[in-house]
Amino acid sequence: MTIESINTDYLSECMRLDHINQSDLVNILVSIFQSSYDGIYVADHNGDGIMVNAAYSRITGVKSEELLGKNMTSVVKEGIVSESVTIKVLEKRSSVTIIQSVRDKELLVTGSPVFDKSGKIAYVVTNVRDISDLNQIKSELLHSRKMTDQYINEIEELRKRELIQMHLDGIVAQSQEIMKVFHLARKVAKVDSGVLILGESGVGKEVIVNYIHQESDRSAKPLVKVNCAAIPSHLLESELFGYERGAFTGANSHGKPGLFELAHGGTIFLDEIGDMPIDLQVKLLRVLQEFEIMRVGGTKSIKIDVRVISATHMNLEEMVNKNDFRRDLYYRLNIVPIKVPPLRERKVDIVPLAFYFLNRTNDKNHLNKRFHPEILQFFEEYHWPGNIRELENFIERLAVMTDQDEISVKELPLYMIHSKGYTNSESGKLKETLANVERKMIREQMELSKTTRRAAEALGISQSALVKKMKKLGLTL
């Protein structure tokens, strides 16, 4: 390309040429050409290379002598570049942008035609940029998006757990075992299928019922709870189905609606269904089949719209085999069974539950009790035969009966100490074992919290007490 091909009138609009001669102008343009950060390659109207700057060689790794004087067709055949933007510009007579591979590098290449006065292409100017960094940024962005999606999913899972806690009036539910239970409960809440909740006494079956009702479309209607074991068998029928006036001696003179009627539009929970008398099971089966009841002493049926949830700690299948429970009723109730695991099978819930019950007891009784960290290990190791109900009552008893604000291991009953594997002959080793427990808990908490202040707060002790404890146990700060 020569300076004569450049329109000097145009240049004079862009820069002052008053004191610049043609030779100086050429030097200026060549300096600009060579100092450009982007690679620039120029070919003539035949596609032969006539100019290439240093940036082009830096970006592509192709030396100027590999291009100058060579036609771009042969450059492509030699495999120096994957395809030629110059040839495309000559064919299309317009600017073209492509992704070009040059010696394992991906380049963003734009070719632009330069026309002479007759309208023919005189030169093709190619601008080259290395997009390897852009691809790296793109890869990092995709990775970042994946991580963001993962974080969003984790946050959503945490949000669901928080929602469960809110619905359950603060009852902790964070172990995988219990989360599976609530996932199933959430699924069946939106339908009216019968649910049978199974589990040992005290595992929180009623809590599951509350959650299903609150998540259902019937949440604005009544949730009526019936303990079939607490009502005398001769009164259970009239309690469930109601009675007409004069139905029996002592009956209300105006009659009384039953619990099924009171639950109309909502949910009725039949707890301890295994204790229902066999003769009443027949009448309950008819209610579940026809969704209508007849009051004791009545002569007409009453249509009802209720969701029935039942629960028991008994093995109903064994009762069915022994003819202690009707098989047809069992199948009617057991459409969706939900098994609530005992507390000993979801140990991760024990400590959060203990703190929840302690905080609730403190609020109720205006106390300021706290756990010594070493006591938590004993809570996790104990098998809790009475499940959550036992834990709740036990924590309240500790909080009320302990003289000091800090509840320590010495407040625990012997059966809990022994449950961890200690006998009277081994009691001398208790201090050593407790010290090991303390070391483990402090190390783990320090790894999580990073500072003694946050670790002490999480462990429920003062920072100074934690520092002293760490020095005593030989732990580095």
Protein backbone atom coordinates (compact mmCIF):
# COMPACT_ATOMS: atom_id res chain seq x y z
CA MET A 1 0.00 0.00 0.00
CA THR A 2 1.39 3.44 -0.91
CA ILE A 3 0.65 6.84 0.56
CA GLU A 4 -0.62 7.98 -2.82
CA SER A 5 -3.65 5.69 -2.43
CA ILE A 6 -4.77 7.62 0.62
CA ASN A 7 -7.07 10.57 0.09
CA THR A 8 -5.09 13.54 1.40
CA ASP A 9 -8.23 15.66 1.68
CA TYR A 10 -9.68 13.13 4.11
CA LEU A 11 -6.40 13.01 6.07
CA SER A 12 -6.33 16.76 6.37
CA GLU A 13 -9.73 16.60 8.09
CA CYS A 14 -8.39 14.04 10.58
CA MET A 15 -4.96 15.56 11.35
CA ARG A 16 -2.99 18.75 10.76
CA LEU A 17 -0.79 18.42 7.66
CA ASP A 18 0.41 22.01 7.51
CA HIS A 19 4.01 21.21 8.45
CA ILE A 20 4.13 17.48 7.61
CA ASN A 21 5.59 16.38 4.31
CA GLN A 22 4.66 13.17 2.52
CA SER A 23 7.68 11.24 3.78
CA ASP A 24 6.95 12.12 7.41
CA LEU A 25 3.32 11.15 6.93
CA VAL A 26 4.35 7.71 5.64
CA ASN A 27 6.57 7.23 8.70
CA ILE A 28 3.70 8.20 10.99
CA LEU A 29 1.32 5.73 9.34
CA VAL A 30 3.91 2.93 9.40
CA SER A 31 4.57 3.62 13.11
CA ILE A 32 0.85 3.46 13.82
CA PHE A 33 0.57 0.26 11.81
CA GLN A 34 3.43 -1.43 13.66
CA SER A 35 2.44 -0.20 17.16
CA SER A 36 -1.15 -1.44 16.93
CA TYR A 37 -1.95 -3.94 19.72
CA ASP A 38 -4.22 -5.86 17.34
CA GLY A 39 -2.68 -7.90 14.56
CA ILE A 40 -3.04 -6.36 11.09
CA TYR A 41 -2.44 -8.12 7.80
CA VAL A 42 -2.88 -6.48 4.37
CA ALA A 43 -3.30 -8.27 1.04
CA ASP A 44 -3.64 -6.82 -2.45
CA HIS A 45 -6.51 -7.33 -4.89
CA ASN A 46 -5.11 -10.77 -5.83
CA GLY A 47 -4.95 -11.96 -2.25
CA ASP A 48 -1.17 -11.72 -1.97
CA GLY A 49 0.26 -10.58 1.33
CA ILE A 50 1.97 -7.18 1.18
CA MET A 51 2.03 -5.93 4.81
CA VAL A 52 1.91 -7.52 8.27
CA ASN A 53 2.64 -5.92 11.63
CA ALA A 54 4.56 -7.30 14.61
CA ALA A 55 1.36 -7.80 16.64
CA TYR A 56 0.09 -10.28 14.04
CA SER A 57 3.19 -12.44 14.50
CA ARG A 58 2.94 -12.10 18.28
CA ILE A 59 -0.70 -13.17 18.35
CA THR A 60 -0.57 -15.93 15.73
CA GLY A 61 2.98 -17.20 16.00
CA VAL A 62 3.26 -16.86 12.18
CA LYS A 63 6.35 -14.99 10.95
CA SER A 64 5.98 -12.22 8.38
CA GLU A 65 8.07 -14.10 5.80
CA GLU A 66 5.51 -16.94 5.89
CA LEU A 67 2.86 -14.52 4.57
CA LEU A 68 4.45 -11.70 2.58
CA GLY A 69 4.45 -12.33 -1.15
CA LYS A 70 2.31 -15.43 -0.75
CA ASN A 71 -1.25 -15.83 -1.94
CA MET A 72 -3.73 -16.65 0.81
CA THR A 73 -4.94 -19.72 -1.08
CA SER A 74 -1.52 -21.33 -0.75
CA VAL A 75 -1.27 -20.20 2.89
CA VAL A 76 -4.47 -22.15 3.60
CA LYS A 77 -3.20 -25.21 1.71
CA GLU A 78 0.01 -25.16 3.74
CA GLY A 79 -2.11 -25.31 6.87
CA ILE A 80 -0.81 -22.05 8.30
CA VAL A 81 -4.39 -20.78 8.71
CA SER A 82 -7.63 -22.77 8.71
CA GLU A 83 -9.40 -20.52 6.21
CA SER A 84 -8.82 -17.12 4.64
CA VAL A 85 -10.98 -14.12 5.42
CA THR A 86 -9.19 -12.25 2.60
CA ILE A 87 -10.56 -14.65 -0.01
CA LYS A 88 -14.07 -14.32 1.45
CA VAL A 89 -13.86 -10.51 1.29
CA LEU A 90 -12.72 -10.64 -2.34
CA GLU A 91 -15.66 -12.92 -3.14
CA LYS A 92 -18.33 -10.96 -1.22
CA ARG A 93 -16.86 -7.43 -1.73
CA SER A 94 -17.81 -6.57 1.85
CA SER A 95 -16.50 -6.92 5.38
CA VAL A 96 -16.42 -10.46 6.74
CA THR A 97 -15.77 -11.73 10.29
CA ILE A 98 -14.83 -15.34 11.03
CA ILE A 99 -13.34 -17.49 13.78
CA GLN A 100 -9.98 -18.62 12.40
CA SER A 101 -7.65 -21.30 13.76
CA VAL A 102 -3.97 -20.49 13.46
CA ARG A 103 -1.56 -23.00 14.96
CA ASP A 104 -3.93 -24.18 17.69
CA LYS A 105 -5.08 -20.66 18.52
CA GLU A 106 -8.61 -19.38 18.03
CA LEU A 107 -8.68 -15.90 16.51
CA LEU A 108 -11.43 -13.42 15.81
CA VAL A 109 -10.60 -12.17 12.30
CA THR A 110 -12.29 -9.33 10.44
CA GLY A 111 -11.43 -8.53 6.82
CA SER A 112 -12.41 -5.19 5.26
CA PRO A 113 -12.10 -4.19 1.59
CA VAL A 114 -10.40 -0.95 0.47
CA PHE A 115 -11.78 0.27 -2.87
CA ASP A 116 -9.97 2.40 -5.47
CA LYS A 117 -11.53 5.29 -7.38
CA SER A 118 -13.02 2.95 -9.97
CA GLY A 119 -14.79 0.90 -7.31
CA LYS A 120 -12.52 -2.12 -7.51
CA ILE A 121 -10.97 -3.73 -4.48
CA ALA A 122 -7.42 -2.49 -4.14
CA TYR A 123 -6.55 -4.03 -0.77
CA VAL A 124 -8.02 -6.19 1.96
CA VAL A 125 -7.13 -5.17 5.53
CA THR A 126 -7.42 -7.96 8.08
CA ASN A 127 -7.71 -7.23 11.80
CA VAL A 128 -6.84 -10.15 14.15
CA ARG A 129 -7.65 -10.59 17.85
CA ASP A 130 -6.77 -13.54 20.09
CA ILE A 131 -9.99 -14.86 21.68
CA SER A 132 -8.32 -17.59 23.75
CA ASP A 133 -8.67 -15.35 26.80
CA LEU A 134 -12.30 -14.77 25.90
CA ASN A 135 -12.87 -18.53 25.69
CA GLN A 136 -11.21 -18.92 29.08
CA ILE A 137 -13.48 -16.23 30.49
CA LYS A 138 -16.44 -17.98 28.86
CA SER A 139 -15.40 -21.28 30.43
CA GLU A 140 -15.01 -19.61 33.82
CA LEU A 141 -18.38 -17.94 33.37
CA LEU A 142 -20.05 -21.29 32.61
CA HIS A 143 -18.35 -22.79 35.66
CA SER A 144 -19.48 -19.82 37.70
CA ARG A 145 -23.04 -20.31 36.46
CA LYS A 146 -22.92 -23.97 37.43
CA MET A 147 -21.66 -23.06 40.87
CA THR A 148 -24.35 -20.39 41.13
CA ASP A 149 -27.03 -22.93 40.20
CA GLN A 150 -25.62 -25.29 42.81
CA TYR A 151 -25.67 -22.54 45.44
CA ILE A 152 -29.22 -21.61 44.45
CA ASN A 153 -30.28 -25.25 44.82
CA GLU A 154 -28.60 -25.44 48.23
CA ILE A 155 -30.24 -22.18 49.30
CA GLU A 156 -33.60 -23.46 48.04
CA GLU A 157 -33.11 -26.65 50.04
CA LEU A 158 -32.26 -24.60 53.12
CA ARG A 159 -35.31 -22.44 52.44
CA LYS A 160 -37.49 -25.56 52.31
CA ARG A 161 -36.03 -26.69 55.61
CA GLU A 162 -36.75 -23.28 57.11
CA LEU A 163 -40.31 -23.49 55.77
CA ILE A 164 -40.69 -26.90 57.39
CA GLN A 165 -39.49 -25.48 60.70
CA MET A 166 -41.93 -22.59 60.37
CA HIS A 167 -44.85 -24.90 59.59
CA LEU A 168 -43.94 -27.21 62.45
CA ASP A 169 -43.89 -24.44 65.02
CA GLY A 170 -40.13 -24.63 65.47
CA ILE A 171 -39.67 -28.41 65.50
CA VAL A 172 -36.25 -29.14 64.03
CA ALA A 173 -36.21 -31.30 60.91
CA GLN A 174 -32.84 -31.35 59.20
CA SER A 175 -31.56 -34.93 58.98
CA GLN A 176 -31.80 -36.69 55.63
CA GLU A 177 -34.03 -39.36 57.18
CA ILE A 178 -36.67 -36.92 58.40
CA MET A 179 -36.37 -34.69 55.33
CA LYS A 180 -37.42 -37.67 53.19
CA VAL A 181 -40.49 -38.01 55.41
CA PHE A 182 -41.44 -34.37 54.90
CA HIS A 183 -40.79 -34.61 51.17
CA LEU A 184 -43.33 -37.44 50.98
CA ALA A 185 -45.71 -35.57 53.29
CA ARG A 186 -45.53 -32.49 51.08
CA LYS A 187 -46.31 -34.62 48.04
CA VAL A 188 -49.41 -36.31 49.52
CA ALA A 189 -50.66 -33.08 51.12
CA LYS A 190 -52.06 -31.92 47.77
CA VAL A 191 -54.29 -34.98 47.33
CA ASP A 192 -57.02 -36.53 49.49
CA SER A 193 -55.64 -40.07 49.59
CA GLY A 194 -55.68 -41.82 52.95
CA VAL A 195 -52.40 -41.62 54.87
CA LEU A 196 -51.24 -44.05 57.56
CA ILE A 197 -48.40 -42.69 59.70
CA LEU A 198 -46.31 -45.36 61.39
CA GLY A 199 -43.67 -45.02 64.06
CA GLU A 200 -42.79 -45.52 67.69
CA SER A 201 -44.43 -43.46 70.42
CA GLY A 202 -42.98 -39.99 70.70
CA VAL A 203 -41.41 -39.75 67.24
CA GLY A 204 -43.60 -36.80 66.22
CA LYS A 205 -46.38 -38.41 64.19
CA GLU A 206 -48.75 -35.61 65.12
CA VAL A 207 -46.25 -33.08 63.79
CA ILE A 208 -46.42 -34.78 60.38
CA VAL A 209 -50.21 -34.57 60.49
CA ASN A 210 -50.05 -30.85 61.23
CA TYR A 211 -47.68 -30.36 58.31
CA ILE A 212 -49.84 -32.32 55.84
CA HIS A 213 -52.93 -30.35 56.86
CA GLN A 214 -51.16 -26.98 56.63
CA GLU A 215 -49.78 -27.83 53.18
CA SER A 216 -53.13 -29.06 51.88
CA ASP A 217 -55.98 -27.18 50.22
CA ARG A 218 -57.99 -27.86 53.40
CA SER A 219 -55.69 -25.78 55.63
CA ALA A 220 -58.37 -23.11 56.18
CA LYS A 221 -60.77 -25.76 57.47
CA PRO A 222 -60.68 -27.64 60.81
CA LEU A 223 -58.06 -30.23 61.79
CA VAL A 224 -59.80 -32.50 64.30
CA LYS A 225 -57.63 -34.89 66.33
CA VAL A 226 -58.96 -38.05 67.95
CA ASN A 227 -56.96 -40.35 70.22
CA CYS A 228 -58.74 -43.67 69.81
CA ALA A 229 -56.90 -45.11 72.82
CA ALA A 230 -57.90 -42.28 75.18
CA ILE A 231 -61.68 -42.50 74.67
CA PRO A 232 -63.55 -45.41 76.32
CA SER A 233 -64.69 -47.88 73.68
CA HIS A 234 -68.37 -47.53 74.59
CA LEU A 235 -68.19 -43.76 74.03
CA LEU A 236 -65.97 -43.73 70.95
CA GLU A 237 -68.80 -44.29 68.44
CA SER A 238 -70.87 -41.38 69.74
CA GLU A 239 -67.76 -39.17 69.85
CA LEU A 240 -66.88 -39.97 66.25
CA PHE A 241 -70.33 -39.98 64.67
CA GLY A 242 -72.43 -37.96 67.14
CA TYR A 243 -75.86 -38.85 68.48
CA GLU A 244 -79.49 -37.75 68.28
CA ARG A 245 -81.40 -36.52 71.33
CA GLY A 246 -82.58 -39.29 73.58
CA ALA A 247 -80.18 -41.77 72.03
CA PHE A 248 -79.08 -42.99 75.45
CA THR A 249 -79.34 -42.10 79.11
CA GLY A 250 -77.47 -38.90 79.88
CA ALA A 251 -77.36 -37.77 76.26
CA ASN A 252 -77.65 -34.10 75.45
CA SER A 253 -81.32 -33.24 74.97
CA HIS A 254 -80.53 -31.53 71.67
CA GLY A 255 -78.22 -34.23 70.37
CA LYS A 256 -74.59 -33.68 69.46
CA PRO A 257 -72.62 -33.65 66.20
CA GLY A 258 -69.70 -36.07 66.03
CA LEU A 259 -66.07 -35.31 65.33
CA PHE A 260 -66.45 -36.34 61.69
CA GLU A 261 -69.12 -33.68 61.26
CA LEU A 262 -66.97 -31.10 63.01
CA ALA A 263 -64.12 -31.89 60.61
CA HIS A 264 -66.34 -31.32 57.52
CA GLY A 265 -64.27 -29.69 54.77
CA GLY A 266 -61.06 -30.30 56.69
CA THR A 267 -59.01 -33.17 58.10
CA ILE A 268 -59.66 -35.72 60.83
CA PHE A 269 -56.71 -37.42 62.49
CA LEU A 270 -57.38 -40.83 64.02
CA ASP A 271 -54.43 -41.40 66.34
CA GLU A 272 -53.71 -44.86 67.78
CA ILE A 273 -56.05 -46.41 65.24
CA GLY A 274 -54.84 -49.86 66.31
CA ASP A 275 -56.76 -49.46 69.59
CA MET A 276 -60.12 -49.02 67.88
CA PRO A 277 -62.59 -51.80 68.85
CA ILE A 278 -63.19 -54.36 66.11
CA ASP A 279 -66.96 -53.69 65.96
CA LEU A 280 -66.39 -49.98 65.43
CA GLN A 281 -63.90 -50.70 62.66
CA VAL A 282 -66.79 -51.96 60.52
CA LYS A 283 -68.62 -48.65 60.87
CA LEU A 284 -65.46 -46.67 60.18
CA LEU A 285 -64.92 -48.71 57.00
CA ARG A 286 -68.38 -47.73 55.78
CA VAL A 287 -67.62 -44.06 56.45
CA LEU A 288 -64.41 -44.28 54.42
CA GLN A 289 -66.21 -46.00 51.55
CA GLU A 290 -69.38 -43.90 51.43
CA PHE A 291 -68.20 -40.66 53.08
CA GLU A 292 -71.37 -40.47 55.07
CA ILE A 293 -72.11 -41.06 58.74
CA MET A 294 -75.17 -41.87 60.80
CA ARG A 295 -75.49 -40.53 64.31
CA VAL A 296 -76.14 -42.91 67.17
CA GLY A 297 -79.93 -43.20 67.46
CA GLY A 298 -80.37 -41.54 64.07
CA THR A 299 -82.26 -42.75 61.01
CA LYS A 300 -80.73 -40.74 58.17
CA SER A 301 -77.24 -40.52 56.72
CA ILE A 302 -75.23 -37.30 56.72
CA LYS A 303 -72.80 -36.63 53.87
CA ILE A 304 -69.32 -35.51 54.96
CA ASP A 305 -66.26 -34.20 53.17
CA VAL A 306 -63.14 -35.02 55.18
CA ARG A 307 -59.52 -36.04 54.66
CA VAL A 308 -58.69 -39.02 56.92
CA ILE A 309 -55.20 -39.47 58.33
CA SER A 310 -54.51 -42.25 60.81
CA ALA A 311 -51.50 -43.22 62.91
CA THR A 312 -50.32 -46.03 65.14
CA HIS A 313 -47.23 -47.34 66.89
CA MET A 314 -48.54 -50.91 66.51
CA ASN A 315 -47.73 -53.42 63.77
CA LEU A 316 -51.07 -53.48 61.97
CA GLU A 317 -50.00 -56.24 59.61
CA GLU A 318 -49.45 -58.59 62.55
CA MET A 319 -52.79 -57.50 64.02
CA VAL A 320 -54.48 -58.28 60.69
CA ASN A 321 -52.94 -61.75 60.65
CA LYS A 322 -54.19 -62.32 64.20
CA ASN A 323 -57.68 -61.02 63.28
CA ASP A 324 -57.28 -58.13 65.74
CA PHE A 325 -57.67 -55.59 62.96
CA ARG A 326 -59.86 -55.76 59.87
CA ARG A 327 -57.92 -56.44 56.69
CA ASP A 328 -60.25 -54.37 54.49
CA LEU A 329 -59.97 -51.38 56.81
CA TYR A 330 -56.19 -51.72 56.90
CA TYR A 331 -56.01 -51.54 53.11
CA ARG A 332 -58.38 -48.57 53.09
CA LEU A 333 -56.25 -46.65 55.59
CA ASN A 334 -52.86 -47.71 54.23
CA ILE A 335 -53.03 -46.08 50.80
CA VAL A 336 -49.96 -43.92 51.48
CA PRO A 337 -47.87 -45.19 54.42
CA ILE A 338 -45.37 -42.78 56.01
CA LYS A 339 -42.83 -44.30 58.38
CA VAL A 340 -41.33 -41.82 60.85
CA PRO A 341 -37.88 -43.03 61.98
CA PRO A 342 -37.06 -43.07 65.70
CA LEU A 343 -34.73 -40.41 67.08
CA ARG A 344 -31.83 -42.88 67.47
CA GLU A 345 -31.84 -43.34 63.67
CA ARG A 346 -31.51 -39.61 62.98
CA LYS A 347 -28.84 -38.55 65.43
CA VAL A 348 -28.10 -35.33 63.56
CA ASP A 349 -31.43 -33.97 64.86
CA ILE A 350 -30.69 -34.66 68.55
CA VAL A 351 -28.45 -31.70 69.40
CA PRO A 352 -30.51 -29.07 67.45
CA LEU A 353 -33.65 -30.42 69.13
CA ALA A 354 -31.95 -30.23 72.54
CA PHE A 355 -31.07 -26.57 71.97
CA TYR A 356 -34.57 -25.83 70.72
CA PHE A 357 -36.21 -27.37 73.80
CA LEU A 358 -33.72 -25.62 76.11
CA ASN A 359 -34.44 -22.23 74.53
CA ARG A 360 -38.17 -22.83 74.78
CA THR A 361 -37.84 -23.82 78.46
CA ASN A 362 -35.70 -20.75 79.14
CA ASP A 363 -38.32 -18.48 77.56
CA LYS A 364 -41.20 -20.14 79.38
CA ASN A 365 -39.57 -20.09 82.82
CA HIS A 366 -37.43 -16.93 82.46
CA LEU A 367 -34.22 -18.94 82.81
CA ASN A 368 -30.77 -18.52 81.28
CA LYS A 369 -29.54 -22.12 81.18
CA ARG A 370 -26.95 -23.34 78.69
CA PHE A 371 -25.25 -26.65 77.86
CA HIS A 372 -21.65 -27.43 78.65
CA PRO A 373 -20.21 -28.64 75.32
CA GLU A 374 -19.22 -32.07 76.64
CA ILE A 375 -22.82 -32.98 77.49
CA LEU A 376 -23.87 -32.95 73.83
CA GLN A 377 -21.87 -36.10 73.07
CA PHE A 378 -23.90 -37.99 75.67
CA PHE A 379 -27.14 -36.76 74.12
CA GLU A 380 -26.07 -38.15 70.73
CA GLU A 381 -24.93 -41.50 72.15
CA TYR A 382 -28.06 -42.17 74.20
CA HIS A 383 -30.68 -44.30 72.42
CA TRP A 384 -33.80 -42.28 73.51
CA PRO A 385 -36.41 -45.05 73.74
CA GLY A 386 -39.09 -42.39 74.28
CA ASN A 387 -37.88 -40.46 71.21
CA ILE A 388 -38.57 -36.72 70.88
CA ARG A 389 -41.10 -36.70 73.72
CA GLU A 390 -38.50 -38.15 76.08
CA LEU A 391 -35.85 -35.66 74.92
CA GLU A 392 -38.21 -32.73 75.39
CA ASN A 393 -39.18 -33.73 78.92
CA PHE A 394 -35.58 -34.59 79.82
CA ILE A 395 -34.24 -31.19 78.71
CA GLU A 396 -36.94 -29.36 80.62
CA ARG A 397 -36.14 -31.38 83.75
CA LEU A 398 -32.43 -30.61 83.45
CA ALA A 399 -33.09 -26.90 82.97
CA VAL A 400 -35.46 -26.66 85.91
CA MET A 401 -33.51 -28.84 88.36
CA THR A 402 -29.93 -27.67 87.68
CA ASP A 403 -28.74 -25.07 90.17
CA GLN A 404 -26.09 -23.53 87.93
CA ASP A 405 -26.75 -21.77 84.64
CA GLU A 406 -24.47 -24.22 82.88
CA ILE A 407 -25.81 -27.76 82.54
CA SER A 408 -22.84 -30.13 82.76
CA VAL A 409 -22.29 -33.89 82.57
CA LYS A 410 -22.55 -34.27 86.34
CA GLU A 411 -26.28 -33.45 86.04
CA LEU A 412 -26.88 -36.51 83.85
CA PRO A 413 -28.46 -39.62 85.37
CA LEU A 414 -26.32 -42.74 85.70
CA TYR A 415 -28.29 -44.66 83.08
CA MET A 416 -27.26 -42.12 80.45
CA ILE A 417 -23.61 -42.24 81.51
CA HIS A 418 -23.69 -46.05 81.45
CA SER A 419 -25.39 -46.06 78.05
CA LYS A 420 -22.18 -44.63 76.66
CA GLY A 421 -20.31 -47.70 77.78
CA TYR A 422 -19.15 -46.77 81.27
CA THR A 423 -19.37 -49.04 84.32
CA ASN A 424 -18.59 -48.26 87.93
CA SER A 425 -15.14 -49.83 87.56
CA GLU A 426 -14.44 -47.58 84.59
CA SER A 427 -15.59 -44.35 86.18
CA GLY A 428 -11.97 -43.33 86.80
CA LYS A 429 -11.50 -43.00 83.06
CA LEU A 430 -14.44 -40.63 82.69
CA LYS A 431 -12.40 -37.43 82.98
CA GLU A 432 -9.95 -38.60 80.35
CA THR A 433 -12.74 -39.56 78.00
CA LEU A 434 -14.55 -36.27 78.53
CA ALA A 435 -11.33 -34.40 77.83
CA ASN A 436 -11.03 -36.25 74.50
CA VAL A 437 -14.62 -35.36 73.70
CA GLU A 438 -13.90 -31.70 74.47
CA ARG A 439 -10.80 -31.70 72.26
CA LYS A 440 -12.74 -33.19 69.35
CA MET A 441 -15.61 -30.71 69.66
CA ILE A 442 -13.34 -27.68 70.01
CA ARG A 443 -11.15 -28.70 67.07
CA GLU A 444 -14.16 -29.21 64.84
CA GLN A 445 -15.77 -25.93 65.90
CA MET A 446 -12.53 -23.97 65.45
CA GLU A 447 -12.20 -25.35 61.92
CA LEU A 448 -15.70 -24.12 61.19
CA SER A 449 -15.63 -20.79 63.05
CA LYS A 450 -11.96 -19.82 62.49
CA THR A 451 -11.93 -17.48 65.54
CA THR A 452 -12.27 -18.21 69.27
CA ARG A 453 -15.00 -15.62 69.59
CA ARG A 454 -17.30 -17.28 67.04
CA ALA A 455 -16.36 -20.76 68.24
CA ALA A 456 -17.16 -19.85 71.85
CA GLU A 457 -20.52 -18.43 70.79
CA ALA A 458 -21.36 -21.62 68.87
CA LEU A 459 -20.30 -23.80 71.83
CA GLY A 460 -22.35 -21.76 74.30
CA ILE A 461 -19.44 -20.58 76.48
CA SER A 462 -17.52 -17.34 76.89
CA GLN A 463 -14.43 -16.60 74.81
CA SER A 464 -12.20 -16.49 77.89
CA ALA A 465 -13.53 -19.87 79.05
CA LEU A 466 -12.79 -21.35 75.63
CA VAL A 467 -9.23 -19.98 75.62
CA LYS A 468 -8.59 -21.41 79.09
CA LYS A 469 -10.11 -24.73 78.06
CA MET A 470 -7.92 -24.92 74.95
CA LYS A 471 -4.75 -24.22 76.97
CA LYS A 472 -5.77 -26.86 79.53
CA LEU A 473 -6.37 -29.43 76.78
CA GLY A 474 -3.13 -28.60 74.99
CA LEU A 475 -4.83 -27.12 71.92
CA THR A 476 -3.08 -24.33 70.01
CA LEU A 477 -4.87 -21.02 69.57
